[in-house]
Every structure is written in C-alpha cells, then in structure tokens.
Amino acid sequence: MDALKQRILAEGRNLGNGILKIDSLLNHQLDPKLMLGMGQELADVFRETQPDRILTAEISGIAPAITTGIHMGLPVVYARKTKPITMPDQVYLTLAPSHT
C-alpha cells in the first residue's frame, strides 16, 4: 500500500534493533482514512483464504484489524498482553516481540 509506505518514510523513525517508531499514524495517534485503506488492502489480500475471524495483537494491531473486519464482514479477536481476571483458566499463551 503506497499511502502507508509514504507515511512511514515521511514520519517513521528507525530506533534500531528492529524497532520502528510510527506513533503519529498507528500507536498513539490514528489516521482513520489510512486505517480504512489498510483494512481494504488487507481484506483484498486475505479474502480468498475465507477466514471466519481476524486475530490481532492488542494495541497496535487493533485499528487495522477492525477496518479489515469491516471490509470483510468478520469479527475481530485480539490477543491480550496480560490475562484479564474475567478470562477462564485455560488460555493459549505465547511470547511475541513488538517492533513498533
């Protein structure tokens, strides 16, 4: 998606160690129009796999996942960083690095 690439080039900062700071468009502030475009692009890429839901990481992945869900008509599930007290005892747990 060219709009995303241009925004990352214009506003992103490489902090080293594989970390990209893009808080002006994804983390601390969101560009709704850009998120809708990202959602459409992701929906187009994954539509033929016929998913029944979208799974994303908590925080940075939620906005693009929601717009993808809108374009695909699918529910969105997000993986939490910590187990909420309302969650049953049996849960899937894994570690995943964050690069933003």
PDB file of N, CA and C in Angstrom:
ATOM      1  N   MET A   1       0.835  -1.163   0.000  1.00  0.00           N
ATOM      2  CA  MET A   1       0.000   0.000   0.000  1.00  0.00           C
ATOM      3  C   MET A   1       0.887   1.236   0.000  1.00  0.00           C
ATOM      4  N   ASP A   2       0.818   1.987  -1.072  1.00  0.00           N
ATOM      5  CA  ASP A   2       1.715   3.122  -1.268  1.00  0.00           C
ATOM      6  C   ASP A   2       1.505   4.225  -0.233  1.00  0.00           C
ATOM      7  N   ALA A   3       0.254   4.485   0.150  1.00  0.00           N
ATOM      8  CA  ALA A   3      -0.007   5.549   1.133  1.00  0.00           C
ATOM      9  C   ALA A   3       0.678   5.240   2.463  1.00  0.00           C
ATOM     10  N   LEU A   4       0.629   3.995   2.886  1.00  0.00           N
ATOM     11  CA  LEU A   4       1.286   3.596   4.134  1.00  0.00           C
ATOM     12  C   LEU A   4       2.800   3.732   4.006  1.00  0.00           C
ATOM     13  N   LYS A   5       3.332   3.271   2.891  1.00  0.00           N
ATOM     14  CA  LYS A   5       4.776   3.359   2.666  1.00  0.00           C
ATOM     15  C   LYS A   5       5.242   4.815   2.728  1.00  0.00           C
ATOM     16  N   GLN A   6       4.511   5.702   2.072  1.00  0.00           N
ATOM     17  CA  GLN A   6       4.890   7.116   2.063  1.00  0.00           C
ATOM     18  C   GLN A   6       4.825   7.730   3.462  1.00  0.00           C
ATOM     19  N   ARG A   7       3.813   7.367   4.226  1.00  0.00           N
ATOM     20  CA  ARG A   7       3.684   7.896   5.589  1.00  0.00           C
ATOM     21  C   ARG A   7       4.814   7.385   6.483  1.00  0.00           C
ATOM     22  N   ILE A   8       5.174   6.112   6.332  1.00  0.00           N
ATOM     23  CA  ILE A   8       6.284   5.566   7.127  1.00  0.00           C
ATOM     24  C   ILE A   8       7.585   6.266   6.762  1.00  0.00           C
ATOM     25  N   LEU A   9       7.815   6.473   5.472  1.00  0.00           N
ATOM     26  CA  LEU A   9       9.031   7.164   5.040  1.00  0.00           C
ATOM     27  C   LEU A   9       9.062   8.603   5.545  1.00  0.00           C
ATOM     28  N   ALA A  10       7.915   9.268   5.565  1.00  0.00           N
ATOM     29  CA  ALA A  10       7.852  10.671   5.971  1.00  0.00           C
ATOM     30  C   ALA A  10       7.879  10.851   7.489  1.00  0.00           C
ATOM     31  N   GLU A  11       7.209   9.958   8.218  1.00  0.00           N
ATOM     32  CA  GLU A  11       7.013  10.183   9.649  1.00  0.00           C
ATOM     33  C   GLU A  11       7.669   9.148  10.563  1.00  0.00           C
ATOM     34  N   GLY A  12       8.047   7.998  10.013  1.00  0.00           N
ATOM     35  CA  GLY A  12       8.614   6.938  10.840  1.00  0.00           C
ATOM     36  C   GLY A  12      10.059   7.202  11.212  1.00  0.00           C
ATOM     37  N   ARG A  13      10.452   6.648  12.347  1.00  0.00           N
ATOM     38  CA  ARG A  13      11.842   6.748  12.786  1.00  0.00           C
ATOM     39  C   ARG A  13      12.352   5.370  13.151  1.00  0.00           C
ATOM     40  N   ASN A  14      13.514   5.029  12.622  1.00  0.00           N
ATOM     41  CA  ASN A  14      14.164   3.769  12.948  1.00  0.00           C
ATOM     42  C   ASN A  14      14.929   3.969  14.251  1.00  0.00           C
ATOM     43  N   LEU A  15      14.493   3.265  15.291  1.00  0.00           N
ATOM     44  CA  LEU A  15      15.138   3.392  16.599  1.00  0.00           C
ATOM     45  C   LEU A  15      16.230   2.349  16.812  1.00  0.00           C
ATOM     46  N   GLY A  16      16.497   1.530  15.789  1.00  0.00           N
ATOM     47  CA  GLY A  16      17.494   0.476  15.918  1.00  0.00           C
ATOM     48  C   GLY A  16      16.903  -0.783  16.515  1.00  0.00           C
ATOM     49  N   ASN A  17      17.642  -1.858  16.432  1.00  0.00           N
ATOM     50  CA  ASN A  17      17.219  -3.157  16.974  1.00  0.00           C
ATOM     51  C   ASN A  17      15.867  -3.617  16.441  1.00  0.00           C
ATOM     52  N   GLY A  18      15.557  -3.265  15.184  1.00  0.00           N
ATOM     53  CA  GLY A  18      14.305  -3.705  14.570  1.00  0.00           C
ATOM     54  C   GLY A  18      13.072  -2.967  15.049  1.00  0.00           C
ATOM     55  N   ILE A  19      13.248  -1.812  15.691  1.00  0.00           N
ATOM     56  CA  ILE A  19      12.111  -1.052  16.223  1.00  0.00           C
ATOM     57  C   ILE A  19      11.839   0.160  15.339  1.00  0.00           C
ATOM     58  N   LEU A  20      10.592   0.277  14.888  1.00  0.00           N
ATOM     59  CA  LEU A  20      10.155   1.380  14.045  1.00  0.00           C
ATOM     60  C   LEU A  20       9.160   2.229  14.827  1.00  0.00           C
ATOM     61  N   LYS A  21       9.464   3.508  14.983  1.00  0.00           N
ATOM     62  CA  LYS A  21       8.561   4.412  15.706  1.00  0.00           C
ATOM     63  C   LYS A  21       7.618   5.059  14.697  1.00  0.00           C
ATOM     64  N   ILE A  22       6.345   4.700  14.787  1.00  0.00           N
ATOM     65  CA  ILE A  22       5.325   5.255  13.886  1.00  0.00           C
ATOM     66  C   ILE A  22       4.109   5.711  14.695  1.00  0.00           C
ATOM     67  N   ASP A  23       4.387   6.328  15.840  1.00  0.00           N
ATOM     68  CA  ASP A  23       3.293   6.694  16.731  1.00  0.00           C
ATOM     69  C   ASP A  23       2.410   7.819  16.209  1.00  0.00           C
ATOM     70  N   SER A  24       2.807   8.489  15.145  1.00  0.00           N
ATOM     71  CA  SER A  24       1.953   9.535  14.581  1.00  0.00           C
ATOM     72  C   SER A  24       0.889   8.974  13.645  1.00  0.00           C
ATOM     73  N   LEU A  25       0.958   7.677  13.333  1.00  0.00           N
ATOM     74  CA  LEU A  25      -0.061   7.108  12.449  1.00  0.00           C
ATOM     75  C   LEU A  25      -0.598   5.765  12.895  1.00  0.00           C
ATOM     76  N   LEU A  26      -0.020   5.151  13.924  1.00  0.00           N
ATOM     77  CA  LEU A  26      -0.542   3.849  14.337  1.00  0.00           C
ATOM     78  C   LEU A  26      -0.623   3.666  15.849  1.00  0.00           C
ATOM     79  N   ASN A  27       0.348   4.095  16.580  1.00  0.00           N
ATOM     80  CA  ASN A  27       0.373   3.774  18.009  1.00  0.00           C
ATOM     81  C   ASN A  27      -0.402   4.765  18.880  1.00  0.00           C
ATOM     82  N   HIS A  28       0.046   6.002  18.953  1.00  0.00           N
ATOM     83  CA  HIS A  28      -0.562   6.978  19.863  1.00  0.00           C
ATOM     84  C   HIS A  28      -1.604   7.847  19.178  1.00  0.00           C
ATOM     85  N   GLN A  29      -1.517   7.928  17.883  1.00  0.00           N
ATOM     86  CA  GLN A  29      -2.470   8.705  17.093  1.00  0.00           C
ATOM     87  C   GLN A  29      -2.822   7.872  15.879  1.00  0.00           C
ATOM     88  N   LEU A  30      -4.089   7.892  15.493  1.00  0.00           N
ATOM     89  CA  LEU A  30      -4.527   7.107  14.338  1.00  0.00           C
ATOM     90  C   LEU A  30      -5.000   8.019  13.226  1.00  0.00           C
ATOM     91  N   ASP A  31      -4.726   7.625  12.005  1.00  0.00           N
ATOM     92  CA  ASP A  31      -5.262   8.302  10.831  1.00  0.00           C
ATOM     93  C   ASP A  31      -6.387   7.410  10.308  1.00  0.00           C
ATOM     94  N   PRO A  32      -7.652   7.741  10.589  1.00  0.00           N
ATOM     95  CA  PRO A  32      -8.764   6.865  10.207  1.00  0.00           C
ATOM     96  C   PRO A  32      -8.821   6.560   8.711  1.00  0.00           C
ATOM     97  N   LYS A  33      -8.521   7.547   7.886  1.00  0.00           N
ATOM     98  CA  LYS A  33      -8.559   7.326   6.437  1.00  0.00           C
ATOM     99  C   LYS A  33      -7.485   6.314   6.020  1.00  0.00           C
ATOM    100  N   LEU A  34      -6.300   6.446   6.594  1.00  0.00           N
ATOM    101  CA  LEU A  34      -5.224   5.498   6.311  1.00  0.00           C
ATOM    102  C   LEU A  34      -5.601   4.107   6.812  1.00  0.00           C
ATOM    103  N   MET A  35      -6.210   4.026   8.009  1.00  0.00           N
ATOM    104  CA  MET A  35      -6.637   2.731   8.559  1.00  0.00           C
ATOM    105  C   MET A  35      -7.671   2.063   7.654  1.00  0.00           C
ATOM    106  N   LEU A  36      -8.610   2.845   7.108  1.00  0.00           N
ATOM    107  CA  LEU A  36      -9.605   2.270   6.189  1.00  0.00           C
ATOM    108  C   LEU A  36      -8.931   1.719   4.936  1.00  0.00           C
ATOM    109  N   GLY A  37      -7.944   2.448   4.420  1.00  0.00           N
ATOM    110  CA  GLY A  37      -7.202   1.966   3.255  1.00  0.00           C
ATOM    111  C   GLY A  37      -6.419   0.702   3.562  1.00  0.00           C
ATOM    112  N   MET A  38      -5.796   0.655   4.740  1.00  0.00           N
ATOM    113  CA  MET A  38      -5.068  -0.546   5.146  1.00  0.00           C
ATOM    114  C   MET A  38      -6.023  -1.723   5.284  1.00  0.00           C
ATOM    115  N   GLY A  39      -7.188  -1.472   5.865  1.00  0.00           N
ATOM    116  CA  GLY A  39      -8.187  -2.532   6.016  1.00  0.00           C
ATOM    117  C   GLY A  39      -8.636  -3.087   4.681  1.00  0.00           C
ATOM    118  N   GLN A  40      -8.843  -2.204   3.707  1.00  0.00           N
ATOM    119  CA  GLN A  40      -9.257  -2.653   2.378  1.00  0.00           C
ATOM    120  C   GLN A  40      -8.161  -3.491   1.733  1.00  0.00           C
ATOM    121  N   GLU A  41      -6.929  -3.031   1.847  1.00  0.00           N
ATOM    122  CA  GLU A  41      -5.790  -3.764   1.271  1.00  0.00           C
ATOM    123  C   GLU A  41      -5.648  -5.147   1.907  1.00  0.00           C
ATOM    124  N   LEU A  42      -5.722  -5.208   3.230  1.00  0.00           N
ATOM    125  CA  LEU A  42      -5.613  -6.497   3.919  1.00  0.00           C
ATOM    126  C   LEU A  42      -6.785  -7.411   3.568  1.00  0.00           C
ATOM    127  N   ALA A  43      -7.978  -6.847   3.464  1.00  0.00           N
ATOM    128  CA  ALA A  43      -9.150  -7.643   3.080  1.00  0.00           C
ATOM    129  C   ALA A  43      -8.961  -8.228   1.687  1.00  0.00           C
ATOM    130  N   ASP A  44      -8.448  -7.425   0.762  1.00  0.00           N
ATOM    131  CA  ASP A  44      -8.216  -7.904  -0.605  1.00  0.00           C
ATOM    132  C   ASP A  44      -7.191  -9.036  -0.634  1.00  0.00           C
ATOM    133  N   VAL A  45      -6.150  -8.913   0.182  1.00  0.00           N
ATOM    134  CA  VAL A  45      -5.091  -9.926   0.212  1.00  0.00           C
ATOM    135  C   VAL A  45      -5.590 -11.245   0.803  1.00  0.00           C
ATOM    136  N   PHE A  46      -6.376 -11.175   1.868  1.00  0.00           N
ATOM    137  CA  PHE A  46      -6.755 -12.387   2.599  1.00  0.00           C
ATOM    138  C   PHE A  46      -8.145 -12.932   2.282  1.00  0.00           C
ATOM    139  N   ARG A  47      -8.932 -12.240   1.473  1.00  0.00           N
ATOM    140  CA  ARG A  47     -10.309 -12.648   1.214  1.00  0.00           C
ATOM    141  C   ARG A  47     -10.415 -14.082   0.706  1.00  0.00           C
ATOM    142  N   GLU A  48      -9.555 -14.476  -0.224  1.00  0.00           N
ATOM    143  CA  GLU A  48      -9.681 -15.820  -0.814  1.00  0.00           C
ATOM    144  C   GLU A  48      -9.313 -16.942   0.157  1.00  0.00           C
ATOM    145  N   THR A  49      -8.708 -16.615   1.289  1.00  0.00           N
ATOM    146  CA  THR A  49      -8.431 -17.652   2.294  1.00  0.00           C
ATOM    147  C   THR A  49      -9.673 -17.977   3.115  1.00  0.00           C
ATOM    148  N   GLN A  50     -10.715 -17.200   2.960  1.00  0.00           N
ATOM    149  CA  GLN A  50     -12.013 -17.388   3.614  1.00  0.00           C
ATOM    150  C   GLN A  50     -11.906 -17.546   5.134  1.00  0.00           C
ATOM    151  N   PRO A  51     -11.311 -16.566   5.797  1.00  0.00           N
ATOM    152  CA  PRO A  51     -11.229 -16.649   7.262  1.00  0.00           C
ATOM    153  C   PRO A  51     -12.610 -16.488   7.891  1.00  0.00           C
ATOM    154  N   ASP A  52     -12.741 -16.933   9.140  1.00  0.00           N
ATOM    155  CA  ASP A  52     -14.017 -16.741   9.833  1.00  0.00           C
ATOM    156  C   ASP A  52     -13.907 -15.685  10.936  1.00  0.00           C
ATOM    157  N   ARG A  53     -12.690 -15.190  11.175  1.00  0.00           N
ATOM    158  CA  ARG A  53     -12.478 -14.084  12.112  1.00  0.00           C
ATOM    159  C   ARG A  53     -11.065 -13.550  11.901  1.00  0.00           C
ATOM    160  N   ILE A  54     -10.805 -12.408  12.473  1.00  0.00           N
ATOM    161  CA  ILE A  54      -9.489 -11.788  12.372  1.00  0.00           C
ATOM    162  C   ILE A  54      -8.876 -11.774  13.764  1.00  0.00           C
ATOM    163  N   LEU A  55      -7.655 -12.268  13.884  1.00  0.00           N
ATOM    164  CA  LEU A  55      -6.923 -12.283  15.150  1.00  0.00           C
ATOM    165  C   LEU A  55      -5.774 -11.294  15.048  1.00  0.00           C
ATOM    166  N   THR A  56      -5.630 -10.449  16.042  1.00  0.00           N
ATOM    167  CA  THR A  56      -4.555  -9.473  16.048  1.00  0.00           C
ATOM    168  C   THR A  56      -4.002  -9.315  17.455  1.00  0.00           C
ATOM    169  N   ALA A  57      -2.880  -8.623  17.546  1.00  0.00           N
ATOM    170  CA  ALA A  57      -2.282  -8.324  18.847  1.00  0.00           C
ATOM    171  C   ALA A  57      -2.954  -7.094  19.442  1.00  0.00           C
ATOM    172  N   GLU A  58      -3.020  -7.074  20.756  1.00  0.00           N
ATOM    173  CA  GLU A  58      -3.576  -5.916  21.458  1.00  0.00           C
ATOM    174  C   GLU A  58      -2.735  -4.683  21.131  1.00  0.00           C
ATOM    175  N   ILE A  59      -3.330  -3.569  21.151  1.00  0.00           N
ATOM    176  CA  ILE A  59      -2.779  -2.235  20.958  1.00  0.00           C
ATOM    177  C   ILE A  59      -2.598  -1.912  19.475  1.00  0.00           C
ATOM    178  N   SER A  60      -1.394  -2.020  18.901  1.00  0.00           N
ATOM    179  CA  SER A  60      -1.147  -1.531  17.543  1.00  0.00           C
ATOM    180  C   SER A  60      -1.941  -2.249  16.465  1.00  0.00           C
ATOM    181  N   GLY A  61      -2.283  -3.493  16.675  1.00  0.00           N
ATOM    182  CA  GLY A  61      -2.990  -4.238  15.640  1.00  0.00           C
ATOM    183  C   GLY A  61      -4.487  -4.039  15.610  1.00  0.00           C
ATOM    184  N   ILE A  62      -5.044  -3.429  16.650  1.00  0.00           N
ATOM    185  CA  ILE A  62      -6.499  -3.350  16.747  1.00  0.00           C
ATOM    186  C   ILE A  62      -7.110  -2.490  15.642  1.00  0.00           C
ATOM    187  N   ALA A  63      -6.591  -1.299  15.408  1.00  0.00           N
ATOM    188  CA  ALA A  63      -7.195  -0.404  14.410  1.00  0.00           C
ATOM    189  C   ALA A  63      -7.201  -1.009  13.002  1.00  0.00           C
ATOM    190  N   PRO A  64      -6.060  -1.503  12.488  1.00  0.00           N
ATOM    191  CA  PRO A  64      -6.128  -2.105  11.155  1.00  0.00           C
ATOM    192  C   PRO A  64      -6.973  -3.379  11.127  1.00  0.00           C
ATOM    193  N   ALA A  65      -7.010  -4.113  12.227  1.00  0.00           N
ATOM    194  CA  ALA A  65      -7.839  -5.322  12.268  1.00  0.00           C
ATOM    195  C   ALA A  65      -9.320  -4.972  12.189  1.00  0.00           C
ATOM    196  N   ILE A  66      -9.731  -3.928  12.897  1.00  0.00           N
ATOM    197  CA  ILE A  66     -11.139  -3.521  12.862  1.00  0.00           C
ATOM    198  C   ILE A  66     -11.538  -3.084  11.459  1.00  0.00           C
ATOM    199  N   THR A  67     -10.701  -2.282  10.800  1.00  0.00           N
ATOM    200  CA  THR A  67     -11.072  -1.842   9.452  1.00  0.00           C
ATOM    201  C   THR A  67     -11.048  -3.006   8.467  1.00  0.00           C
ATOM    202  N   THR A  68     -10.161  -3.971   8.679  1.00  0.00           N
ATOM    203  CA  THR A  68     -10.168  -5.178   7.846  1.00  0.00           C
ATOM    204  C   THR A  68     -11.448  -5.960   8.099  1.00  0.00           C
ATOM    205  N   GLY A  69     -11.825  -6.079   9.360  1.00  0.00           N
ATOM    206  CA  GLY A  69     -13.067  -6.761   9.709  1.00  0.00           C
ATOM    207  C   GLY A  69     -14.283  -6.101   9.087  1.00  0.00           C
ATOM    208  N   ILE A  70     -14.298  -4.780   9.056  1.00  0.00           N
ATOM    209  CA  ILE A  70     -15.401  -4.054   8.419  1.00  0.00           C
ATOM    210  C   ILE A  70     -15.478  -4.415   6.943  1.00  0.00           C
ATOM    211  N   HIS A  71     -14.340  -4.377   6.254  1.00  0.00           N
ATOM    212  CA  HIS A  71     -14.322  -4.671   4.815  1.00  0.00           C
ATOM    213  C   HIS A  71     -14.663  -6.127   4.508  1.00  0.00           C
ATOM    214  N   MET A  72     -14.359  -7.039   5.445  1.00  0.00           N
ATOM    215  CA  MET A  72     -14.625  -8.463   5.206  1.00  0.00           C
ATOM    216  C   MET A  72     -15.900  -8.954   5.879  1.00  0.00           C
ATOM    217  N   GLY A  73     -16.512  -8.114   6.703  1.00  0.00           N
ATOM    218  CA  GLY A  73     -17.705  -8.530   7.430  1.00  0.00           C
ATOM    219  C   GLY A  73     -17.415  -9.608   8.462  1.00  0.00           C
ATOM    220  N   LEU A  74     -16.261  -9.498   9.130  1.00  0.00           N
ATOM    221  CA  LEU A  74     -15.826 -10.515  10.092  1.00  0.00           C
ATOM    222  C   LEU A  74     -15.623  -9.923  11.481  1.00  0.00           C
ATOM    223  N   PRO A  75     -15.792 -10.750  12.522  1.00  0.00           N
ATOM    224  CA  PRO A  75     -15.474 -10.282  13.872  1.00  0.00           C
ATOM    225  C   PRO A  75     -13.960 -10.219  14.070  1.00  0.00           C
ATOM    226  N   VAL A  76     -13.550  -9.409  15.020  1.00  0.00           N
ATOM    227  CA  VAL A  76     -12.132  -9.239  15.336  1.00  0.00           C
ATOM    228  C   VAL A  76     -11.879  -9.727  16.758  1.00  0.00           C
ATOM    229  N   VAL A  77     -10.844 -10.550  16.917  1.00  0.00           N
ATOM    230  CA  VAL A  77     -10.406 -11.037  18.219  1.00  0.00           C
ATOM    231  C   VAL A  77      -8.991 -10.513  18.425  1.00  0.00           C
ATOM    232  N   TYR A  78      -8.722  -9.968  19.604  1.00  0.00           N
ATOM    233  CA  TYR A  78      -7.352  -9.510  19.835  1.00  0.00           C
ATOM    234  C   TYR A  78      -6.725 -10.242  21.012  1.00  0.00           C
ATOM    235  N   ALA A  79      -5.450 -10.556  20.831  1.00  0.00           N
ATOM    236  CA  ALA A  79      -4.678 -11.249  21.863  1.00  0.00           C
ATOM    237  C   ALA A  79      -4.235 -10.223  22.899  1.00  0.00           C
ATOM    238  N   ARG A  80      -4.499 -10.511  24.146  1.00  0.00           N
ATOM    239  CA  ARG A  80      -4.168  -9.596  25.238  1.00  0.00           C
ATOM    240  C   ARG A  80      -2.714  -9.769  25.665  1.00  0.00           C
ATOM    241  N   LYS A  81      -2.158  -8.700  26.210  1.00  0.00           N
ATOM    242  CA  LYS A  81      -0.800  -8.767  26.753  1.00  0.00           C
ATOM    243  C   LYS A  81      -0.789  -9.462  28.107  1.00  0.00           C
ATOM    244  N   THR A  82      -1.865  -9.310  28.843  1.00  0.00           N
ATOM    245  CA  THR A  82      -1.990  -9.964  30.143  1.00  0.00           C
ATOM    246  C   THR A  82      -3.362 -10.610  30.238  1.00  0.00           C
ATOM    247  N   LYS A  83      -3.472 -11.621  31.067  1.00  0.00           N
ATOM    248  CA  LYS A  83      -4.737 -12.338  31.218  1.00  0.00           C
ATOM    249  C   LYS A  83      -5.686 -11.527  32.099  1.00  0.00           C
ATOM    250  N   PRO A  84      -6.866 -11.166  31.561  1.00  0.00           N
ATOM    251  CA  PRO A  84      -7.822 -10.436  32.395  1.00  0.00           C
ATOM    252  C   PRO A  84      -8.425 -11.346  33.462  1.00  0.00           C
ATOM    253  N   ILE A  85      -8.895 -10.763  34.538  1.00  0.00           N
ATOM    254  CA  ILE A  85      -9.448 -11.565  35.630  1.00  0.00           C
ATOM    255  C   ILE A  85     -10.749 -12.256  35.226  1.00  0.00           C
ATOM    256  N   THR A  86     -11.390 -11.791  34.167  1.00  0.00           N
ATOM    257  CA  THR A  86     -12.642 -12.406  33.709  1.00  0.00           C
ATOM    258  C   THR A  86     -12.415 -13.595  32.779  1.00  0.00           C
ATOM    259  N   MET A  87     -11.169 -13.857  32.409  1.00  0.00           N
ATOM    260  CA  MET A  87     -10.832 -14.933  31.474  1.00  0.00           C
ATOM    261  C   MET A  87     -10.774 -16.267  32.207  1.00  0.00           C
ATOM    262  N   PRO A  88     -11.300 -17.342  31.582  1.00  0.00           N
ATOM    263  CA  PRO A  88     -11.196 -18.664  32.214  1.00  0.00           C
ATOM    264  C   PRO A  88      -9.730 -19.087  32.359  1.00  0.00           C
ATOM    265  N   ASP A  89      -9.510 -20.106  33.192  1.00  0.00           N
ATOM    266  CA  ASP A  89      -8.137 -20.531  33.475  1.00  0.00           C
ATOM    267  C   ASP A  89      -7.410 -21.110  32.272  1.00  0.00           C
ATOM    268  N   GLN A  90      -8.103 -21.804  31.387  1.00  0.00           N
ATOM    269  CA  GLN A  90      -7.442 -22.412  30.234  1.00  0.00           C
ATOM    270  C   GLN A  90      -7.366 -21.405  29.087  1.00  0.00           C
ATOM    271  N   VAL A  91      -6.161 -20.918  28.835  1.00  0.00           N
ATOM    272  CA  VAL A  91      -5.933 -19.967  27.752  1.00  0.00           C
ATOM    273  C   VAL A  91      -4.671 -20.365  27.008  1.00  0.00           C
ATOM    274  N   TYR A  92      -4.553 -19.909  25.761  1.00  0.00           N
ATOM    275  CA  TYR A  92      -3.340 -20.111  24.980  1.00  0.00           C
ATOM    276  C   TYR A  92      -2.391 -18.974  25.319  1.00  0.00           C
ATOM    277  N   LEU A  93      -1.123 -19.276  25.553  1.00  0.00           N
ATOM    278  CA  LEU A  93      -0.141 -18.272  25.928  1.00  0.00           C
ATOM    279  C   LEU A  93       1.115 -18.452  25.101  1.00  0.00           C
ATOM    280  N   THR A  94       1.616 -17.355  24.531  1.00  0.00           N
ATOM    281  CA  THR A  94       2.876 -17.383  23.802  1.00  0.00           C
ATOM    282  C   THR A  94       3.523 -16.007  23.890  1.00  0.00           C
ATOM    283  N   LEU A  95       4.801 -15.927  23.623  1.00  0.00           N
ATOM    284  CA  LEU A  95       5.519 -14.663  23.615  1.00  0.00           C
ATOM    285  C   LEU A  95       5.653 -14.175  22.183  1.00  0.00           C
ATOM    286  N   ALA A  96       5.502 -12.869  21.989  1.00  0.00           N
ATOM    287  CA  ALA A  96       5.635 -12.277  20.661  1.00  0.00           C
ATOM    288  C   ALA A  96       6.313 -10.919  20.802  1.00  0.00           C
ATOM    289  N   PRO A  97       7.350 -10.660  19.999  1.00  0.00           N
ATOM    290  CA  PRO A  97       8.033  -9.370  20.084  1.00  0.00           C
ATOM    291  C   PRO A  97       7.201  -8.263  19.432  1.00  0.00           C
ATOM    292  N   SER A  98       7.417  -7.034  19.877  1.00  0.00           N
ATOM    293  CA  SER A  98       6.773  -5.872  19.270  1.00  0.00           C
ATOM    294  C   SER A  98       7.850  -5.036  18.601  1.00  0.00           C
ATOM    295  N   HIS A  99       7.589  -4.605  17.368  1.00  0.00           N
ATOM    296  CA  HIS A  99       8.578  -3.823  16.625  1.00  0.00           C
ATOM    297  C   HIS A  99       8.115  -2.399  16.376  1.00  0.00           C
ATOM    298  N   THR A 100       7.085  -1.980  17.088  1.00  0.00           N
ATOM    299  CA  THR A 100       6.628  -0.584  16.944  1.00  0.00           C
ATOM    300  C   THR A 100       6.576   0.085  18.293  1.00  0.00           C
TER     301      THR A 100
END
